């Protein structure tokens, strides 16, 4: 009886159908993940670990696909409408503030204030500007600041 290693049953990671817009930071993160997965594949192969080879191979396919269709986008240095890559500070009626940066799907991390450009919050902010009100799940908030400068890698 052949032992099932799981290597044949590992599903592919789904690749988003949306354009793969990335910040310069996001592109660097993809490149770093590709390097990490290449190292993981080499180590797994050297150790004869078929499950780890399958997992690293799957990750390499995913990140290679994301790298091949990545579209680096820099926010405009100035503007009158919120776009991809900008950081936006919102204020609620009680004076509480929250800052979000609109980034690529793979670098989104809401806990760190990075939201994917296809998210409902990012879509609600896109095209707006300072003084506009947006309604988020947490309630209505006013846009009080916009920073077009790219985030450091």
C-alpha atoms as a PDB file:
ATOM      1  CA  UNK A   1       0.000   0.000   0.000  1.00  0.00           C
ATOM      2  CA  UNK A   2       1.340   3.399  -1.005  1.00  0.00           C
ATOM      3  CA  UNK A   3       1.611   5.949   1.804  1.00  0.00           C
ATOM      4  CA  UNK A   4      -0.200   9.220   1.026  1.00  0.00           C
ATOM      5  CA  UNK A   5       2.206  12.111   1.496  1.00  0.00           C
ATOM      6  CA  UNK A   6      -0.391  14.755   0.759  1.00  0.00           C
ATOM      7  CA  UNK A   7       1.777  16.029  -2.083  1.00  0.00           C
ATOM      8  CA  UNK A   8      -0.812  15.014  -4.661  1.00  0.00           C
ATOM      9  CA  UNK A   9      -3.752  16.580  -2.841  1.00  0.00           C
ATOM     10  CA  UNK A  10      -2.407  20.030  -2.011  1.00  0.00           C
ATOM     11  CA  UNK A  11      -4.777  22.523  -3.676  1.00  0.00           C
ATOM     12  CA  UNK A  12      -3.460  25.499  -5.595  1.00  0.00           C
ATOM     13  CA  UNK A  13      -3.670  28.907  -3.946  1.00  0.00           C
ATOM     14  CA  UNK A  14      -6.299  30.964  -5.730  1.00  0.00           C
ATOM     15  CA  UNK A  15      -4.983  33.900  -7.733  1.00  0.00           C
ATOM     16  CA  UNK A  16      -7.183  36.986  -7.718  1.00  0.00           C
ATOM     17  CA  UNK A  17      -8.931  37.888 -10.943  1.00  0.00           C
ATOM     18  CA  UNK A  18      -8.358  41.606 -10.206  1.00  0.00           C
ATOM     19  CA  UNK A  19      -5.418  43.495 -11.640  1.00  0.00           C
ATOM     20  CA  UNK A  20      -2.329  42.955  -9.514  1.00  0.00           C
ATOM     21  CA  UNK A  21      -1.549  46.544  -8.578  1.00  0.00           C
ATOM     22  CA  UNK A  22       1.397  46.733  -6.183  1.00  0.00           C
ATOM     23  CA  UNK A  23       3.313  49.445  -4.404  1.00  0.00           C
ATOM     24  CA  UNK A  24       7.114  49.437  -4.660  1.00  0.00           C
ATOM     25  CA  UNK A  25       7.106  47.999  -1.141  1.00  0.00           C
ATOM     26  CA  UNK A  26       4.677  45.300  -2.255  1.00  0.00           C
ATOM     27  CA  UNK A  27       6.884  44.358  -5.217  1.00  0.00           C
ATOM     28  CA  UNK A  28       9.867  44.004  -2.863  1.00  0.00           C
ATOM     29  CA  UNK A  29       7.760  41.785  -0.574  1.00  0.00           C
ATOM     30  CA  UNK A  30       6.835  39.525  -3.512  1.00  0.00           C
ATOM     31  CA  UNK A  31      10.502  39.248  -4.525  1.00  0.00           C
ATOM     32  CA  UNK A  32      11.488  38.403  -0.934  1.00  0.00           C
ATOM     33  CA  UNK A  33       8.780  35.738  -0.720  1.00  0.00           C
ATOM     34  CA  UNK A  34       9.951  34.198  -4.001  1.00  0.00           C
ATOM     35  CA  UNK A  35      13.504  33.976  -2.639  1.00  0.00           C
ATOM     36  CA  UNK A  36      12.240  32.479   0.627  1.00  0.00           C
ATOM     37  CA  UNK A  37      10.219  29.837  -1.184  1.00  0.00           C
ATOM     38  CA  UNK A  38      13.132  28.938  -3.473  1.00  0.00           C
ATOM     39  CA  UNK A  39      15.256  28.358  -0.367  1.00  0.00           C
ATOM     40  CA  UNK A  40      12.479  26.303   1.225  1.00  0.00           C
ATOM     41  CA  UNK A  41      12.175  24.168  -1.915  1.00  0.00           C
ATOM     42  CA  UNK A  42      15.924  23.555  -2.059  1.00  0.00           C
ATOM     43  CA  UNK A  43      16.037  22.594   1.634  1.00  0.00           C
ATOM     44  CA  UNK A  44      13.008  20.312   1.307  1.00  0.00           C
ATOM     45  CA  UNK A  45      14.459  18.651  -1.769  1.00  0.00           C
ATOM     46  CA  UNK A  46      17.803  18.111  -0.091  1.00  0.00           C
ATOM     47  CA  UNK A  47      16.060  16.593   2.916  1.00  0.00           C
ATOM     48  CA  UNK A  48      13.782  14.390   0.840  1.00  0.00           C
ATOM     49  CA  UNK A  49      10.660  15.859   2.424  1.00  0.00           C
ATOM     50  CA  UNK A  50       7.981  15.372  -0.254  1.00  0.00           C
ATOM     51  CA  UNK A  51       5.292  17.274   1.664  1.00  0.00           C
ATOM     52  CA  UNK A  52       7.567  20.283   2.115  1.00  0.00           C
ATOM     53  CA  UNK A  53       8.582  20.088  -1.579  1.00  0.00           C
ATOM     54  CA  UNK A  54       4.906  20.119  -2.563  1.00  0.00           C
ATOM     55  CA  UNK A  55       4.125  23.039  -0.255  1.00  0.00           C
ATOM     56  CA  UNK A  56       7.107  25.115  -1.399  1.00  0.00           C
ATOM     57  CA  UNK A  57       6.362  24.310  -5.049  1.00  0.00           C
ATOM     58  CA  UNK A  58       2.779  25.464  -4.626  1.00  0.00           C
ATOM     59  CA  UNK A  59       3.950  28.711  -2.983  1.00  0.00           C
ATOM     60  CA  UNK A  60       6.489  29.260  -5.752  1.00  0.00           C
ATOM     61  CA  UNK A  61       3.782  28.858  -8.397  1.00  0.00           C
ATOM     62  CA  UNK A  62       1.553  31.353  -6.578  1.00  0.00           C
ATOM     63  CA  UNK A  63       4.253  33.987  -6.013  1.00  0.00           C
ATOM     64  CA  UNK A  64       5.673  33.530  -9.530  1.00  0.00           C
ATOM     65  CA  UNK A  65       2.214  34.187 -10.956  1.00  0.00           C
ATOM     66  CA  UNK A  66       1.790  37.255  -8.744  1.00  0.00           C
ATOM     67  CA  UNK A  67       5.240  38.553  -9.759  1.00  0.00           C
ATOM     68  CA  UNK A  68       4.627  37.978 -13.470  1.00  0.00           C
ATOM     69  CA  UNK A  69       1.462  40.070 -13.506  1.00  0.00           C
ATOM     70  CA  UNK A  70       2.468  42.681 -10.908  1.00  0.00           C
ATOM     71  CA  UNK A  71       1.807  46.269 -11.963  1.00  0.00           C
ATOM     72  CA  UNK A  72       3.895  48.656  -9.839  1.00  0.00           C
ATOM     73  CA  UNK A  73       2.005  51.900  -9.255  1.00  0.00           C
ATOM     74  CA  UNK A  74       3.315  55.024  -7.584  1.00  0.00           C
ATOM     75  CA  UNK A  75       0.790  57.499  -6.234  1.00  0.00           C
ATOM     76  CA  UNK A  76       0.909  60.935  -7.845  1.00  0.00           C
ATOM     77  CA  UNK A  77       3.084  63.410  -5.895  1.00  0.00           C
ATOM     78  CA  UNK A  78       0.055  65.649  -5.431  1.00  0.00           C
ATOM     79  CA  UNK A  79      -3.562  65.429  -6.319  1.00  0.00           C
ATOM     80  CA  UNK A  80      -7.127  66.155  -5.536  1.00  0.00           C
ATOM     81  CA  UNK A  81      -8.415  62.594  -5.366  1.00  0.00           C
ATOM     82  CA  UNK A  82      -7.380  59.615  -3.283  1.00  0.00           C
ATOM     83  CA  UNK A  83      -5.771  56.863  -5.350  1.00  0.00           C
ATOM     84  CA  UNK A  84      -3.773  53.672  -4.966  1.00  0.00           C
ATOM     85  CA  UNK A  85      -0.721  53.968  -2.702  1.00  0.00           C
ATOM     86  CA  UNK A  86      -1.885  56.993  -0.713  1.00  0.00           C
ATOM     87  CA  UNK A  87      -2.299  57.069   3.047  1.00  0.00           C
ATOM     88  CA  UNK A  88      -5.595  58.525   4.256  1.00  0.00           C
ATOM     89  CA  UNK A  89      -6.350  59.740   7.777  1.00  0.00           C
ATOM     90  CA  UNK A  90      -9.964  59.681   8.895  1.00  0.00           C
ATOM     91  CA  UNK A  91     -11.558  61.219  11.968  1.00  0.00           C
ATOM     92  CA  UNK A  92     -14.797  60.145  13.638  1.00  0.00           C
ATOM     93  CA  UNK A  93     -17.213  62.620  15.283  1.00  0.00           C
ATOM     94  CA  UNK A  94     -15.586  61.986  18.703  1.00  0.00           C
ATOM     95  CA  UNK A  95     -12.115  62.921  17.439  1.00  0.00           C
ATOM     96  CA  UNK A  96     -10.777  59.373  17.058  1.00  0.00           C
ATOM     97  CA  UNK A  97      -8.421  58.964  14.124  1.00  0.00           C
ATOM     98  CA  UNK A  98      -7.541  56.041  11.902  1.00  0.00           C
ATOM     99  CA  UNK A  99      -5.063  55.966   9.017  1.00  0.00           C
ATOM    100  CA  UNK A 100      -5.249  53.584   6.084  1.00  0.00           C
ATOM    101  CA  UNK A 101      -2.862  53.123   3.169  1.00  0.00           C
ATOM    102  CA  UNK A 102      -4.345  51.707  -0.034  1.00  0.00           C
ATOM    103  CA  UNK A 103      -2.067  48.881  -1.223  1.00  0.00           C
ATOM    104  CA  UNK A 104      -2.004  45.712  -3.318  1.00  0.00           C
ATOM    105  CA  UNK A 105      -3.992  42.656  -2.304  1.00  0.00           C
ATOM    106  CA  UNK A 106      -0.965  40.614  -1.213  1.00  0.00           C
ATOM    107  CA  UNK A 107       0.406  43.328   1.055  1.00  0.00           C
ATOM    108  CA  UNK A 108      -2.899  44.193   2.718  1.00  0.00           C
ATOM    109  CA  UNK A 109      -2.723  44.016   6.507  1.00  0.00           C
ATOM    110  CA  UNK A 110      -5.678  45.853   8.070  1.00  0.00           C
ATOM    111  CA  UNK A 111      -4.209  45.564  11.579  1.00  0.00           C
ATOM    112  CA  UNK A 112      -1.257  47.623  10.291  1.00  0.00           C
ATOM    113  CA  UNK A 113      -3.505  50.077   8.433  1.00  0.00           C
ATOM    114  CA  UNK A 114      -2.811  48.626   4.967  1.00  0.00           C
ATOM    115  CA  UNK A 115      -5.975  47.882   3.024  1.00  0.00           C
ATOM    116  CA  UNK A 116      -6.210  46.176  -0.350  1.00  0.00           C
ATOM    117  CA  UNK A 117      -7.289  48.425  -3.193  1.00  0.00           C
ATOM    118  CA  UNK A 118     -10.212  46.117  -3.997  1.00  0.00           C
ATOM    119  CA  UNK A 119     -11.593  46.213  -0.432  1.00  0.00           C
ATOM    120  CA  UNK A 120     -14.876  48.015   0.243  1.00  0.00           C
ATOM    121  CA  UNK A 121     -13.130  50.598   2.454  1.00  0.00           C
ATOM    122  CA  UNK A 122     -10.522  51.395  -0.220  1.00  0.00           C
ATOM    123  CA  UNK A 123     -13.204  51.647  -2.878  1.00  0.00           C
ATOM    124  CA  UNK A 124     -15.148  54.010  -0.634  1.00  0.00           C
ATOM    125  CA  UNK A 125     -12.088  56.240  -0.213  1.00  0.00           C
ATOM    126  CA  UNK A 126     -10.928  56.252  -3.838  1.00  0.00           C
ATOM    127  CA  UNK A 127     -11.819  59.465  -5.620  1.00  0.00           C
ATOM    128  CA  UNK A 128     -12.603  61.346  -2.402  1.00  0.00           C
ATOM    129  CA  UNK A 129     -10.490  64.113  -0.823  1.00  0.00           C
ATOM    130  CA  UNK A 130      -9.892  66.038   2.405  1.00  0.00           C
ATOM    131  CA  UNK A 131     -13.172  67.228   3.929  1.00  0.00           C
ATOM    132  CA  UNK A 132     -15.261  64.462   2.351  1.00  0.00           C
ATOM    133  CA  UNK A 133     -17.240  62.121   4.571  1.00  0.00           C
ATOM    134  CA  UNK A 134     -17.158  58.354   4.142  1.00  0.00           C
ATOM    135  CA  UNK A 135     -19.345  55.756   5.790  1.00  0.00           C
ATOM    136  CA  UNK A 136     -17.419  52.744   7.059  1.00  0.00           C
ATOM    137  CA  UNK A 137     -18.579  49.754   9.096  1.00  0.00           C
ATOM    138  CA  UNK A 138     -17.468  51.714  12.193  1.00  0.00           C
ATOM    139  CA  UNK A 139     -19.641  54.666  11.145  1.00  0.00           C
ATOM    140  CA  UNK A 140     -19.257  57.982   9.345  1.00  0.00           C
ATOM    141  CA  UNK A 141     -15.800  59.513   9.280  1.00  0.00           C
ATOM    142  CA  UNK A 142     -14.281  62.613   7.701  1.00  0.00           C
ATOM    143  CA  UNK A 143     -11.127  62.568   5.617  1.00  0.00           C
ATOM    144  CA  UNK A 144      -8.743  64.935   7.415  1.00  0.00           C
ATOM    145  CA  UNK A 145      -5.388  64.225   5.737  1.00  0.00           C
ATOM    146  CA  UNK A 146      -3.924  62.530   2.670  1.00  0.00           C
ATOM    147  CA  UNK A 147      -0.273  61.530   2.289  1.00  0.00           C
ATOM    148  CA  UNK A 148       0.760  60.640  -1.274  1.00  0.00           C
ATOM    149  CA  UNK A 149       4.320  59.704  -0.329  1.00  0.00           C
ATOM    150  CA  UNK A 150       5.137  56.018  -0.953  1.00  0.00           C
ATOM    151  CA  UNK A 151       5.653  53.821   2.067  1.00  0.00           C
ATOM    152  CA  UNK A 152       9.218  52.711   2.708  1.00  0.00           C
ATOM    153  CA  UNK A 153      10.005  49.065   2.017  1.00  0.00           C
END
